[in-house]
Amino acid sequence: MVKFLMTAALAGSLAGLTSIAEARSVYDGSWDLLFVTQRGTCDPNYSFTVIINDGIVTHPNLVRLKGYVASSGAVRASVTVQDKYASGSGRLSDKTGRGTWRGYSGTARCSGYWTAQRN
């Protein structure tokens, strides 16, 4: 389940962005994400793909995922699954991105970084 949360973390990493997602964002499309744990007992790394559409980050299996990309490329996201939560932030360029994430599963805390590659 921690893997699932890390997936959504950008996806993590990827809540609280004050600007509204831009329609037809230059970041729209499919992005491959890699999450790496640097602290805590989460899986060492995990990868998955998200879709950005009109600046909104989505994943077909994550209902409680909130993710937004601003026109500047700033990205924030969070996800909640039962007693697990993860959030993250960072920045996308036209083809790549990176940022940090943190989260918890029960009482366990984890954090690390994420990278993104446009498909």
PDB file of N, CA and C in Angstrom:
ATOM      1  N   MET A   1       0.817  -1.185   0.000  1.00  0.00           N
ATOM      2  CA  MET A   1       0.000   0.000   0.000  1.00  0.00           C
ATOM      3  C   MET A   1       0.865   1.255   0.000  1.00  0.00           C
ATOM      4  N   VAL A   2       2.049   1.162   0.614  1.00  0.00           N
ATOM      5  CA  VAL A   2       2.945   2.307   0.603  1.00  0.00           C
ATOM      6  C   VAL A   2       3.352   2.625  -0.832  1.00  0.00           C
ATOM      7  N   LYS A   3       3.585   1.578  -1.649  1.00  0.00           N
ATOM      8  CA  LYS A   3       3.893   1.795  -3.064  1.00  0.00           C
ATOM      9  C   LYS A   3       2.782   2.583  -3.726  1.00  0.00           C
ATOM     10  N   PHE A   4       1.562   2.219  -3.413  1.00  0.00           N
ATOM     11  CA  PHE A   4       0.399   2.871  -4.001  1.00  0.00           C
ATOM     12  C   PHE A   4       0.391   4.355  -3.646  1.00  0.00           C
ATOM     13  N   LEU A   5       0.716   4.676  -2.406  1.00  0.00           N
ATOM     14  CA  LEU A   5       0.755   6.071  -1.986  1.00  0.00           C
ATOM     15  C   LEU A   5       1.893   6.822  -2.645  1.00  0.00           C
ATOM     16  N   MET A   6       3.038   6.180  -2.747  1.00  0.00           N
ATOM     17  CA  MET A   6       4.161   6.837  -3.405  1.00  0.00           C
ATOM     18  C   MET A   6       3.789   7.156  -4.838  1.00  0.00           C
ATOM     19  N   THR A   7       3.060   6.249  -5.449  1.00  0.00           N
ATOM     20  CA  THR A   7       2.616   6.463  -6.815  1.00  0.00           C
ATOM     21  C   THR A   7       1.820   7.746  -6.906  1.00  0.00           C
ATOM     22  N   ALA A   8       1.005   7.974  -5.952  1.00  0.00           N
ATOM     23  CA  ALA A   8       0.160   9.149  -5.979  1.00  0.00           C
ATOM     24  C   ALA A   8       0.851  10.382  -5.437  1.00  0.00           C
ATOM     25  N   ALA A   9       1.942  10.219  -4.777  1.00  0.00           N
ATOM     26  CA  ALA A   9       2.582  11.351  -4.155  1.00  0.00           C
ATOM     27  C   ALA A   9       2.936  12.435  -5.142  1.00  0.00           C
ATOM     28  N   LEU A  10       3.291  12.119  -6.376  1.00  0.00           N
ATOM     29  CA  LEU A  10       3.414  13.218  -7.330  1.00  0.00           C
ATOM     30  C   LEU A  10       2.070  13.480  -7.911  1.00  0.00           C
ATOM     31  N   ALA A  11       2.757  12.270  -8.119  1.00  0.00           N
ATOM     32  CA  ALA A  11       1.764  11.934  -8.941  1.00  0.00           C
ATOM     33  C   ALA A  11       1.564  12.468  -8.438  1.00  0.00           C
ATOM     34  N   GLY A  12       4.111  13.045  -6.476  1.00  0.00           N
ATOM     35  CA  GLY A  12       4.188  13.242  -5.524  1.00  0.00           C
ATOM     36  C   GLY A  12       4.352  13.527  -5.387  1.00  0.00           C
ATOM     37  N   SER A  13       3.887  13.291  -5.028  1.00  0.00           N
ATOM     38  CA  SER A  13       4.473  14.402  -4.531  1.00  0.00           C
ATOM     39  C   SER A  13       3.566  15.355  -4.961  1.00  0.00           C
ATOM     40  N   LEU A  14       2.333  14.601  -5.924  1.00  0.00           N
ATOM     41  CA  LEU A  14       1.979  15.608  -6.812  1.00  0.00           C
ATOM     42  C   LEU A  14       0.770  16.095  -6.075  1.00  0.00           C
ATOM     43  N   ALA A  15      -1.295  19.363  -3.269  1.00  0.00           N
ATOM     44  CA  ALA A  15      -2.502  19.821  -2.680  1.00  0.00           C
ATOM     45  C   ALA A  15      -2.174  21.209  -2.285  1.00  0.00           C
ATOM     46  N   GLY A  16      -2.965  21.983  -2.538  1.00  0.00           N
ATOM     47  CA  GLY A  16      -2.835  23.308  -2.033  1.00  0.00           C
ATOM     48  C   GLY A  16      -2.287  24.299  -3.024  1.00  0.00           C
ATOM     49  N   LEU A  17      -2.249  24.000  -4.268  1.00  0.00           N
ATOM     50  CA  LEU A  17      -1.772  24.965  -5.252  1.00  0.00           C
ATOM     51  C   LEU A  17      -2.830  26.048  -5.399  1.00  0.00           C
ATOM     52  N   THR A  18      -2.423  27.279  -5.290  1.00  0.00           N
ATOM     53  CA  THR A  18      -3.406  28.353  -5.292  1.00  0.00           C
ATOM     54  C   THR A  18      -3.840  28.762  -6.687  1.00  0.00           C
ATOM     55  N   SER A  19      -3.020  28.528  -7.690  1.00  0.00           N
ATOM     56  CA  SER A  19      -3.437  28.899  -9.039  1.00  0.00           C
ATOM     57  C   SER A  19      -4.261  27.784  -9.661  1.00  0.00           C
ATOM     58  N   ILE A  20      -5.156  28.143 -10.539  1.00  0.00           N
ATOM     59  CA  ILE A  20      -6.007  27.169 -11.210  1.00  0.00           C
ATOM     60  C   ILE A  20      -5.249  26.588 -12.389  1.00  0.00           C
ATOM     61  N   ALA A  21      -5.410  25.304 -12.600  1.00  0.00           N
ATOM     62  CA  ALA A  21      -4.735  24.644 -13.721  1.00  0.00           C
ATOM     63  C   ALA A  21      -5.145  25.310 -15.033  1.00  0.00           C
ATOM     64  N   GLU A  22      -4.179  25.484 -15.903  1.00  0.00           N
ATOM     65  CA  GLU A  22      -4.411  26.128 -17.190  1.00  0.00           C
ATOM     66  C   GLU A  22      -5.067  25.168 -18.169  1.00  0.00           C
ATOM     67  N   ALA A  23      -6.042  25.663 -18.916  1.00  0.00           N
ATOM     68  CA  ALA A  23      -6.640  24.845 -19.973  1.00  0.00           C
ATOM     69  C   ALA A  23      -5.595  24.625 -21.061  1.00  0.00           C
ATOM     70  N   ARG A  24      -5.573  23.414 -21.613  1.00  0.00           N
ATOM     71  CA  ARG A  24      -4.597  23.048 -22.636  1.00  0.00           C
ATOM     72  C   ARG A  24      -3.173  23.338 -22.179  1.00  0.00           C
ATOM     73  N   SER A  25      -2.829  22.824 -21.066  1.00  0.00           N
ATOM     74  CA  SER A  25      -1.500  23.004 -20.495  1.00  0.00           C
ATOM     75  C   SER A  25      -0.431  22.442 -21.424  1.00  0.00           C
ATOM     76  N   VAL A  26       0.709  23.125 -21.493  1.00  0.00           N
ATOM     77  CA  VAL A  26       1.825  22.616 -22.299  1.00  0.00           C
ATOM     78  C   VAL A  26       2.384  21.332 -21.703  1.00  0.00           C
ATOM     79  N   TYR A  27       1.983  21.003 -20.481  1.00  0.00           N
ATOM     80  CA  TYR A  27       2.445  19.786 -19.814  1.00  0.00           C
ATOM     81  C   TYR A  27       1.485  18.619 -20.012  1.00  0.00           C
ATOM     82  N   ASP A  28       0.397  18.833 -20.723  1.00  0.00           N
ATOM     83  CA  ASP A  28      -0.579  17.771 -20.955  1.00  0.00           C
ATOM     84  C   ASP A  28       0.059  16.579 -21.652  1.00  0.00           C
ATOM     85  N   GLY A  29      -0.376  15.387 -21.259  1.00  0.00           N
ATOM     86  CA  GLY A  29       0.114  14.161 -21.870  1.00  0.00           C
ATOM     87  C   GLY A  29       0.455  13.121 -20.821  1.00  0.00           C
ATOM     88  N   SER A  30       1.114  12.080 -21.259  1.00  0.00           N
ATOM     89  CA  SER A  30       1.501  10.959 -20.413  1.00  0.00           C
ATOM     90  C   SER A  30       2.915  11.179 -19.875  1.00  0.00           C
ATOM     91  N   TRP A  31       3.099  10.955 -18.572  1.00  0.00           N
ATOM     92  CA  TRP A  31       4.391  11.135 -17.911  1.00  0.00           C
ATOM     93  C   TRP A  31       4.725   9.886 -17.092  1.00  0.00           C
ATOM     94  N   ASP A  32       5.942   9.391 -17.243  1.00  0.00           N
ATOM     95  CA  ASP A  32       6.444   8.294 -16.411  1.00  0.00           C
ATOM     96  C   ASP A  32       7.100   8.892 -15.180  1.00  0.00           C
ATOM     97  N   LEU A  33       6.739   8.376 -14.007  1.00  0.00           N
ATOM     98  CA  LEU A  33       7.270   8.875 -12.744  1.00  0.00           C
ATOM     99  C   LEU A  33       8.082   7.796 -12.053  1.00  0.00           C
ATOM    100  N   LEU A  34       9.130   8.213 -11.377  1.00  0.00           N
ATOM    101  CA  LEU A  34       9.935   7.326 -10.539  1.00  0.00           C
ATOM    102  C   LEU A  34      10.042   7.972  -9.171  1.00  0.00           C
ATOM    103  N   PHE A  35       9.620   7.240  -8.143  1.00  0.00           N
ATOM    104  CA  PHE A  35       9.722   7.710  -6.766  1.00  0.00           C
ATOM    105  C   PHE A  35      10.819   6.940  -6.063  1.00  0.00           C
ATOM    106  N   VAL A  36      11.691   7.652  -5.367  1.00  0.00           N
ATOM    107  CA  VAL A  36      12.800   7.041  -4.640  1.00  0.00           C
ATOM    108  C   VAL A  36      12.671   7.422  -3.171  1.00  0.00           C
ATOM    109  N   THR A  37      12.686   6.406  -2.298  1.00  0.00           N
ATOM    110  CA  THR A  37      12.621   6.642  -0.858  1.00  0.00           C
ATOM    111  C   THR A  37      14.021   6.914  -0.338  1.00  0.00           C
ATOM    112  N   GLN A  38      14.176   8.018   0.373  1.00  0.00           N
ATOM    113  CA  GLN A  38      15.455   8.346   0.997  1.00  0.00           C
ATOM    114  C   GLN A  38      15.415   8.160   2.509  1.00  0.00           C
ATOM    115  N   ARG A  39      14.234   8.275   3.099  1.00  0.00           N
ATOM    116  CA  ARG A  39      14.078   8.105   4.545  1.00  0.00           C
ATOM    117  C   ARG A  39      12.813   7.317   4.826  1.00  0.00           C
ATOM    118  N   GLY A  40      12.888   6.432   5.806  1.00  0.00           N
ATOM    119  CA  GLY A  40      11.712   5.674   6.207  1.00  0.00           C
ATOM    120  C   GLY A  40      11.722   4.255   5.669  1.00  0.00           C
ATOM    121  N   THR A  41      10.634   3.537   5.947  1.00  0.00           N
ATOM    122  CA  THR A  41      10.559   2.110   5.635  1.00  0.00           C
ATOM    123  C   THR A  41       9.713   1.798   4.406  1.00  0.00           C
ATOM    124  N   CYS A  42       9.483   2.770   3.558  1.00  0.00           N
ATOM    125  CA  CYS A  42       8.736   2.522   2.319  1.00  0.00           C
ATOM    126  C   CYS A  42       9.602   1.730   1.346  1.00  0.00           C
ATOM    127  N   ASP A  43       8.979   1.221   0.284  1.00  0.00           N
ATOM    128  CA  ASP A  43       9.739   0.528  -0.752  1.00  0.00           C
ATOM    129  C   ASP A  43      10.839   1.449  -1.275  1.00  0.00           C
ATOM    130  N   PRO A  44      11.992   0.894  -1.670  1.00  0.00           N
ATOM    131  CA  PRO A  44      13.126   1.714  -2.116  1.00  0.00           C
ATOM    132  C   PRO A  44      12.795   2.608  -3.309  1.00  0.00           C
ATOM    133  N   ASN A  45      12.013   2.091  -4.257  1.00  0.00           N
ATOM    134  CA  ASN A  45      11.602   2.908  -5.403  1.00  0.00           C
ATOM    135  C   ASN A  45      10.344   2.319  -6.013  1.00  0.00           C
ATOM    136  N   TYR A  46       9.671   3.151  -6.773  1.00  0.00           N
ATOM    137  CA  TYR A  46       8.437   2.729  -7.411  1.00  0.00           C
ATOM    138  C   TYR A  46       8.201   3.606  -8.629  1.00  0.00           C
ATOM    139  N   SER A  47       7.711   3.004  -9.700  1.00  0.00           N
ATOM    140  CA  SER A  47       7.435   3.781 -10.910  1.00  0.00           C
ATOM    141  C   SER A  47       6.010   3.532 -11.390  1.00  0.00           C
ATOM    142  N   PHE A  48       5.446   4.517 -12.069  1.00  0.00           N
ATOM    143  CA  PHE A  48       4.107   4.429 -12.633  1.00  0.00           C
ATOM    144  C   PHE A  48       3.928   5.579 -13.611  1.00  0.00           C
ATOM    145  N   THR A  49       2.806   5.595 -14.297  1.00  0.00           N
ATOM    146  CA  THR A  49       2.513   6.621 -15.295  1.00  0.00           C
ATOM    147  C   THR A  49       1.268   7.399 -14.893  1.00  0.00           C
ATOM    148  N   VAL A  50       1.311   8.715 -15.066  1.00  0.00           N
ATOM    149  CA  VAL A  50       0.143   9.565 -14.844  1.00  0.00           C
ATOM    150  C   VAL A  50      -0.192  10.288 -16.142  1.00  0.00           C
ATOM    151  N   ILE A  51      -1.399  10.811 -16.189  1.00  0.00           N
ATOM    152  CA  ILE A  51      -1.847  11.612 -17.323  1.00  0.00           C
ATOM    153  C   ILE A  51      -2.106  13.029 -16.816  1.00  0.00           C
ATOM    154  N   ILE A  52      -1.614  14.017 -17.546  1.00  0.00           N
ATOM    155  CA  ILE A  52      -1.932  15.412 -17.251  1.00  0.00           C
ATOM    156  C   ILE A  52      -2.846  15.896 -18.368  1.00  0.00           C
ATOM    157  N   ASN A  53      -3.998  16.426 -17.972  1.00  0.00           N
ATOM    158  CA  ASN A  53      -4.971  16.935 -18.934  1.00  0.00           C
ATOM    159  C   ASN A  53      -5.483  18.276 -18.427  1.00  0.00           C
ATOM    160  N   ASP A  54      -5.281  19.320 -19.189  1.00  0.00           N
ATOM    161  CA  ASP A  54      -5.645  20.682 -18.775  1.00  0.00           C
ATOM    162  C   ASP A  54      -5.001  21.035 -17.436  1.00  0.00           C
ATOM    163  N   GLY A  55      -3.787  20.551 -17.201  1.00  0.00           N
ATOM    164  CA  GLY A  55      -3.055  20.858 -15.985  1.00  0.00           C
ATOM    165  C   GLY A  55      -3.470  20.050 -14.776  1.00  0.00           C
ATOM    166  N   ILE A  56      -4.365  19.090 -14.944  1.00  0.00           N
ATOM    167  CA  ILE A  56      -4.825  18.257 -13.825  1.00  0.00           C
ATOM    168  C   ILE A  56      -4.175  16.886 -13.935  1.00  0.00           C
ATOM    169  N   VAL A  57      -3.543  16.439 -12.845  1.00  0.00           N
ATOM    170  CA  VAL A  57      -2.851  15.152 -12.810  1.00  0.00           C
ATOM    171  C   VAL A  57      -3.841  14.066 -12.421  1.00  0.00           C
ATOM    172  N   THR A  58      -3.891  12.988 -13.219  1.00  0.00           N
ATOM    173  CA  THR A  58      -4.801  11.885 -12.915  1.00  0.00           C
ATOM    174  C   THR A  58      -4.100  10.544 -13.056  1.00  0.00           C
ATOM    175  N   HIS A  59      -4.676   9.561 -12.404  1.00  0.00           N
ATOM    176  CA  HIS A  59      -4.246   8.172 -12.507  1.00  0.00           C
ATOM    177  C   HIS A  59      -5.530   7.350 -12.448  1.00  0.00           C
ATOM    178  N   PRO A  60      -5.721   6.392 -13.349  1.00  0.00           N
ATOM    179  CA  PRO A  60      -7.004   5.691 -13.424  1.00  0.00           C
ATOM    180  C   PRO A  60      -7.409   4.933 -12.163  1.00  0.00           C
ATOM    181  N   ASN A  61      -6.472   4.566 -11.308  1.00  0.00           N
ATOM    182  CA  ASN A  61      -6.799   3.772 -10.122  1.00  0.00           C
ATOM    183  C   ASN A  61      -6.770   4.560  -8.819  1.00  0.00           C
ATOM    184  N   LEU A  62      -6.559   5.859  -8.885  1.00  0.00           N
ATOM    185  CA  LEU A  62      -6.476   6.666  -7.671  1.00  0.00           C
ATOM    186  C   LEU A  62      -7.615   7.671  -7.638  1.00  0.00           C
ATOM    187  N   VAL A  63      -8.662   7.352  -6.887  1.00  0.00           N
ATOM    188  CA  VAL A  63      -9.837   8.210  -6.827  1.00  0.00           C
ATOM    189  C   VAL A  63      -9.575   9.448  -5.980  1.00  0.00           C
ATOM    190  N   ARG A  64      -8.851   9.311  -4.882  1.00  0.00           N
ATOM    191  CA  ARG A  64      -8.617  10.435  -3.971  1.00  0.00           C
ATOM    192  C   ARG A  64      -7.259  11.076  -4.223  1.00  0.00           C
ATOM    193  N   LEU A  65      -6.966  11.321  -5.475  1.00  0.00           N
ATOM    194  CA  LEU A  65      -5.736  11.992  -5.901  1.00  0.00           C
ATOM    195  C   LEU A  65      -6.083  13.409  -6.331  1.00  0.00           C
ATOM    196  N   LYS A  66      -5.347  14.376  -5.795  1.00  0.00           N
ATOM    197  CA  LYS A  66      -5.477  15.766  -6.226  1.00  0.00           C
ATOM    198  C   LYS A  66      -4.107  16.194  -6.722  1.00  0.00           C
ATOM    199  N   GLY A  67      -4.016  16.522  -7.996  1.00  0.00           N
ATOM    200  CA  GLY A  67      -2.746  16.950  -8.553  1.00  0.00           C
ATOM    201  C   GLY A  67      -2.946  18.033  -9.585  1.00  0.00           C
ATOM    202  N   TYR A  68      -2.101  19.061  -9.533  1.00  0.00           N
ATOM    203  CA  TYR A  68      -2.224  20.208 -10.421  1.00  0.00           C
ATOM    204  C   TYR A  68      -0.856  20.660 -10.908  1.00  0.00           C
ATOM    205  N   VAL A  69      -0.819  21.104 -12.149  1.00  0.00           N
ATOM    206  CA  VAL A  69       0.390  21.692 -12.716  1.00  0.00           C
ATOM    207  C   VAL A  69       0.051  23.115 -13.138  1.00  0.00           C
ATOM    208  N   ALA A  70       0.771  24.095 -12.609  1.00  0.00           N
ATOM    209  CA  ALA A  70       0.562  25.495 -12.970  1.00  0.00           C
ATOM    210  C   ALA A  70       1.232  25.783 -14.313  1.00  0.00           C
ATOM    211  N   SER A  71       0.902  26.902 -14.906  1.00  0.00           N
ATOM    212  CA  SER A  71       1.496  27.269 -16.196  1.00  0.00           C
ATOM    213  C   SER A  71       3.008  27.437 -16.091  1.00  0.00           C
ATOM    214  N   SER A  72       3.527  27.695 -14.893  1.00  0.00           N
ATOM    215  CA  SER A  72       4.971  27.822 -14.669  1.00  0.00           C
ATOM    216  C   SER A  72       5.674  26.469 -14.613  1.00  0.00           C
ATOM    217  N   GLY A  73       4.898  25.378 -14.527  1.00  0.00           N
ATOM    218  CA  GLY A  73       5.467  24.047 -14.383  1.00  0.00           C
ATOM    219  C   GLY A  73       5.487  23.554 -12.951  1.00  0.00           C
ATOM    220  N   ALA A  74       5.131  24.421 -12.003  1.00  0.00           N
ATOM    221  CA  ALA A  74       5.069  23.999 -10.598  1.00  0.00           C
ATOM    222  C   ALA A  74       3.965  22.959 -10.454  1.00  0.00           C
ATOM    223  N   VAL A  75       4.285  21.867  -9.771  1.00  0.00           N
ATOM    224  CA  VAL A  75       3.326  20.778  -9.612  1.00  0.00           C
ATOM    225  C   VAL A  75       3.193  20.424  -8.138  1.00  0.00           C
ATOM    226  N   ARG A  76       1.954  20.129  -7.727  1.00  0.00           N
ATOM    227  CA  ARG A  76       1.669  19.679  -6.365  1.00  0.00           C
ATOM    228  C   ARG A  76       0.618  18.595  -6.461  1.00  0.00           C
ATOM    229  N   ALA A  77       0.736  17.611  -5.579  1.00  0.00           N
ATOM    230  CA  ALA A  77      -0.250  16.534  -5.585  1.00  0.00           C
ATOM    231  C   ALA A  77      -0.322  15.894  -4.210  1.00  0.00           C
ATOM    232  N   SER A  78      -1.460  15.260  -3.944  1.00  0.00           N
ATOM    233  CA  SER A  78      -1.622  14.503  -2.706  1.00  0.00           C
ATOM    234  C   SER A  78      -2.606  13.375  -2.953  1.00  0.00           C
ATOM    235  N   VAL A  79      -2.507  12.350  -2.110  1.00  0.00           N
ATOM    236  CA  VAL A  79      -3.415  11.217  -2.212  1.00  0.00           C
ATOM    237  C   VAL A  79      -3.653  10.652  -0.819  1.00  0.00           C
ATOM    238  N   THR A  80      -4.876  10.174  -0.608  1.00  0.00           N
ATOM    239  CA  THR A  80      -5.243   9.506   0.632  1.00  0.00           C
ATOM    240  C   THR A  80      -5.873   8.166   0.289  1.00  0.00           C
ATOM    241  N   VAL A  81      -5.386   7.107   0.938  1.00  0.00           N
ATOM    242  CA  VAL A  81      -5.948   5.767   0.782  1.00  0.00           C
ATOM    243  C   VAL A  81      -6.002   5.153   2.176  1.00  0.00           C
ATOM    244  N   GLN A  82      -7.213   5.030   2.718  1.00  0.00           N
ATOM    245  CA  GLN A  82      -7.425   4.513   4.071  1.00  0.00           C
ATOM    246  C   GLN A  82      -6.595   5.315   5.064  1.00  0.00           C
ATOM    247  N   ASP A  83      -5.665   4.671   5.807  1.00  0.00           N
ATOM    248  CA  ASP A  83      -4.863   5.386   6.805  1.00  0.00           C
ATOM    249  C   ASP A  83      -3.517   5.823   6.234  1.00  0.00           C
ATOM    250  N   LYS A  84      -3.432   5.935   4.931  1.00  0.00           N
ATOM    251  CA  LYS A  84      -2.183   6.303   4.272  1.00  0.00           C
ATOM    252  C   LYS A  84      -2.351   7.624   3.536  1.00  0.00           C
ATOM    253  N   TYR A  85      -1.289   8.418   3.533  1.00  0.00           N
ATOM    254  CA  TYR A  85      -1.329   9.727   2.886  1.00  0.00           C
ATOM    255  C   TYR A  85       0.051  10.041   2.326  1.00  0.00           C
ATOM    256  N   ALA A  86       0.068  10.686   1.178  1.00  0.00           N
ATOM    257  CA  ALA A  86       1.335  11.145   0.611  1.00  0.00           C
ATOM    258  C   ALA A  86       1.095  12.440  -0.144  1.00  0.00           C
ATOM    259  N   SER A  87       2.097  13.302  -0.147  1.00  0.00           N
ATOM    260  CA  SER A  87       2.012  14.541  -0.910  1.00  0.00           C
ATOM    261  C   SER A  87       3.395  14.892  -1.426  1.00  0.00           C
ATOM    262  N   GLY A  88       3.403  15.696  -2.461  1.00  0.00           N
ATOM    263  CA  GLY A  88       4.679  16.095  -3.019  1.00  0.00           C
ATOM    264  C   GLY A  88       4.550  17.330  -3.871  1.00  0.00           C
ATOM    265  N   SER A  89       5.702  17.870  -4.222  1.00  0.00           N
ATOM    266  CA  SER A  89       5.736  19.050  -5.072  1.00  0.00           C
ATOM    267  C   SER A  89       7.024  19.036  -5.870  1.00  0.00           C
ATOM    268  N   GLY A  90       7.052  19.868  -6.878  1.00  0.00           N
ATOM    269  CA  GLY A  90       8.239  19.961  -7.712  1.00  0.00           C
ATOM    270  C   GLY A  90       7.966  20.812  -8.922  1.00  0.00           C
ATOM    271  N   ARG A  91       8.705  20.538 -10.002  1.00  0.00           N
ATOM    272  CA  ARG A  91       8.570  21.343 -11.210  1.00  0.00           C
ATOM    273  C   ARG A  91       8.769  20.476 -12.437  1.00  0.00           C
ATOM    274  N   LEU A  92       7.950  20.747 -13.452  1.00  0.00           N
ATOM    275  CA  LEU A  92       8.095  20.097 -14.746  1.00  0.00           C
ATOM    276  C   LEU A  92       8.682  21.086 -15.739  1.00  0.00           C
ATOM    277  N   SER A  93       9.495  20.568 -16.655  1.00  0.00           N
ATOM    278  CA  SER A  93       9.907  21.332 -17.828  1.00  0.00           C
ATOM    279  C   SER A  93       9.172  20.711 -19.004  1.00  0.00           C
ATOM    280  N   ASP A  94       9.575  21.005 -20.219  1.00  0.00           N
ATOM    281  CA  ASP A  94       8.830  20.462 -21.355  1.00  0.00           C
ATOM    282  C   ASP A  94       8.939  18.951 -21.474  1.00  0.00           C
ATOM    283  N   LYS A  95      10.044  18.331 -20.997  1.00  0.00           N
ATOM    284  CA  LYS A  95      10.217  16.884 -21.157  1.00  0.00           C
ATOM    285  C   LYS A  95      10.546  16.128 -19.875  1.00  0.00           C
ATOM    286  N   THR A  96      10.967  16.828 -18.831  1.00  0.00           N
ATOM    287  CA  THR A  96      11.368  16.160 -17.594  1.00  0.00           C
ATOM    288  C   THR A  96      10.828  16.925 -16.390  1.00  0.00           C
ATOM    289  N   GLY A  97      11.003  16.339 -15.214  1.00  0.00           N
ATOM    290  CA  GLY A  97      10.614  17.007 -13.987  1.00  0.00           C
ATOM    291  C   GLY A  97      11.237  16.325 -12.793  1.00  0.00           C
ATOM    292  N   ARG A  98      11.184  17.007 -11.662  1.00  0.00           N
ATOM    293  CA  ARG A  98      11.676  16.425 -10.418  1.00  0.00           C
ATOM    294  C   ARG A  98      11.106  17.194  -9.243  1.00  0.00           C
ATOM    295  N   GLY A  99      11.141  16.540  -8.077  1.00  0.00           N
ATOM    296  CA  GLY A  99      10.631  17.175  -6.871  1.00  0.00           C
ATOM    297  C   GLY A  99      10.803  16.262  -5.674  1.00  0.00           C
ATOM    298  N   THR A 100      10.111  16.565  -4.612  1.00  0.00           N
ATOM    299  CA  THR A 100      10.202  15.795  -3.372  1.00  0.00           C
ATOM    300  C   THR A 100       8.812  15.324  -2.961  1.00  0.00           C
ATOM    301  N   TRP A 101       8.783  14.296  -2.139  1.00  0.00           N
ATOM    302  CA  TRP A 101       7.529  13.771  -1.611  1.00  0.00           C
ATOM    303  C   TRP A 101       7.738  13.368  -0.161  1.00  0.00           C
ATOM    304  N   ARG A 102       6.625  13.281   0.574  1.00  0.00           N
ATOM    305  CA  ARG A 102       6.633  12.758   1.941  1.00  0.00           C
ATOM    306  C   ARG A 102       5.271  12.180   2.238  1.00  0.00           C
ATOM    307  N   GLY A 103       5.234  11.246   3.166  1.00  0.00           N
ATOM    308  CA  GLY A 103       3.956  10.634   3.476  1.00  0.00           C
ATOM    309  C   GLY A 103       4.026   9.753   4.698  1.00  0.00           C
ATOM    310  N   TYR A 104       2.900   9.099   4.982  1.00  0.00           N
ATOM    311  CA  TYR A 104       2.851   8.171   6.103  1.00  0.00           C
ATOM    312  C   TYR A 104       1.910   7.027   5.793  1.00  0.00           C
ATOM    313  N   SER A 105       2.169   5.929   6.454  1.00  0.00           N
ATOM    314  CA  SER A 105       1.323   4.749   6.409  1.00  0.00           C
ATOM    315  C   SER A 105       1.169   4.301   7.849  1.00  0.00           C
ATOM    316  N   GLY A 106       0.004   4.567   8.444  1.00  0.00           N
ATOM    317  CA  GLY A 106      -0.142   4.325   9.876  1.00  0.00           C
ATOM    318  C   GLY A 106       0.785   5.264  10.627  1.00  0.00           C
ATOM    319  N   THR A 107       1.715   4.700  11.399  1.00  0.00           N
ATOM    320  CA  THR A 107       2.667   5.527  12.141  1.00  0.00           C
ATOM    321  C   THR A 107       4.013   5.650  11.437  1.00  0.00           C
ATOM    322  N   ALA A 108       4.217   4.911  10.373  1.00  0.00           N
ATOM    323  CA  ALA A 108       5.489   4.965   9.636  1.00  0.00           C
ATOM    324  C   ALA A 108       5.536   6.213   8.760  1.00  0.00           C
ATOM    325  N   ARG A 109       6.663   6.911   8.790  1.00  0.00           N
ATOM    326  CA  ARG A 109       6.870   8.109   7.978  1.00  0.00           C
ATOM    327  C   ARG A 109       7.948   7.840   6.938  1.00  0.00           C
ATOM    328  N   CYS A 110       7.751   8.391   5.722  1.00  0.00           N
ATOM    329  CA  CYS A 110       8.713   8.205   4.636  1.00  0.00           C
ATOM    330  C   CYS A 110       8.841   9.502   3.850  1.00  0.00           C
ATOM    331  N   SER A 111       9.981   9.649   3.164  1.00  0.00           N
ATOM    332  CA  SER A 111      10.161  10.804   2.286  1.00  0.00           C
ATOM    333  C   SER A 111      11.231  10.478   1.257  1.00  0.00           C
ATOM    334  N   GLY A 112      11.273  11.285   0.216  1.00  0.00           N
ATOM    335  CA  GLY A 112      12.263  11.076  -0.827  1.00  0.00           C
ATOM    336  C   GLY A 112      12.083  12.050  -1.965  1.00  0.00           C
ATOM    337  N   TYR A 113      12.519  11.639  -3.147  1.00  0.00           N
ATOM    338  CA  TYR A 113      12.396  12.502  -4.315  1.00  0.00           C
ATOM    339  C   TYR A 113      11.722  11.745  -5.447  1.00  0.00           C
ATOM    340  N   TRP A 114      11.259  12.488  -6.447  1.00  0.00           N
ATOM    341  CA  TRP A 114      10.651  11.886  -7.632  1.00  0.00           C
ATOM    342  C   TRP A 114      11.231  12.544  -8.878  1.00  0.00           C
ATOM    343  N   THR A 115      11.228  11.781  -9.958  1.00  0.00           N
ATOM    344  CA  THR A 115      11.607  12.312 -11.263  1.00  0.00           C
ATOM    345  C   THR A 115      10.498  11.973 -12.255  1.00  0.00           C
ATOM    346  N   ALA A 116      10.418  12.751 -13.315  1.00  0.00           N
ATOM    347  CA  ALA A 116       9.385  12.550 -14.329  1.00  0.00           C
ATOM    348  C   ALA A 116      10.005  12.645 -15.718  1.00  0.00           C
ATOM    349  N   GLN A 117       9.464  11.869 -16.626  1.00  0.00           N
ATOM    350  CA  GLN A 117       9.895  11.863 -18.027  1.00  0.00           C
ATOM    351  C   GLN A 117       8.644  11.823 -18.891  1.00  0.00           C
ATOM    352  N   ARG A 118       8.530  12.782 -19.809  1.00  0.00           N
ATOM    353  CA  ARG A 118       7.365  12.792 -20.702  1.00  0.00           C
ATOM    354  C   ARG A 118       7.460  11.625 -21.674  1.00  0.00           C
ATOM    355  N   ASN A 119       6.339  10.958 -21.920  1.00  0.00           N
ATOM    356  CA  ASN A 119       6.291   9.850 -22.881  1.00  0.00           C
ATOM    357  C   ASN A 119       6.192  10.381 -24.291  1.00  0.00           C
TER     358      ASN A 119
END
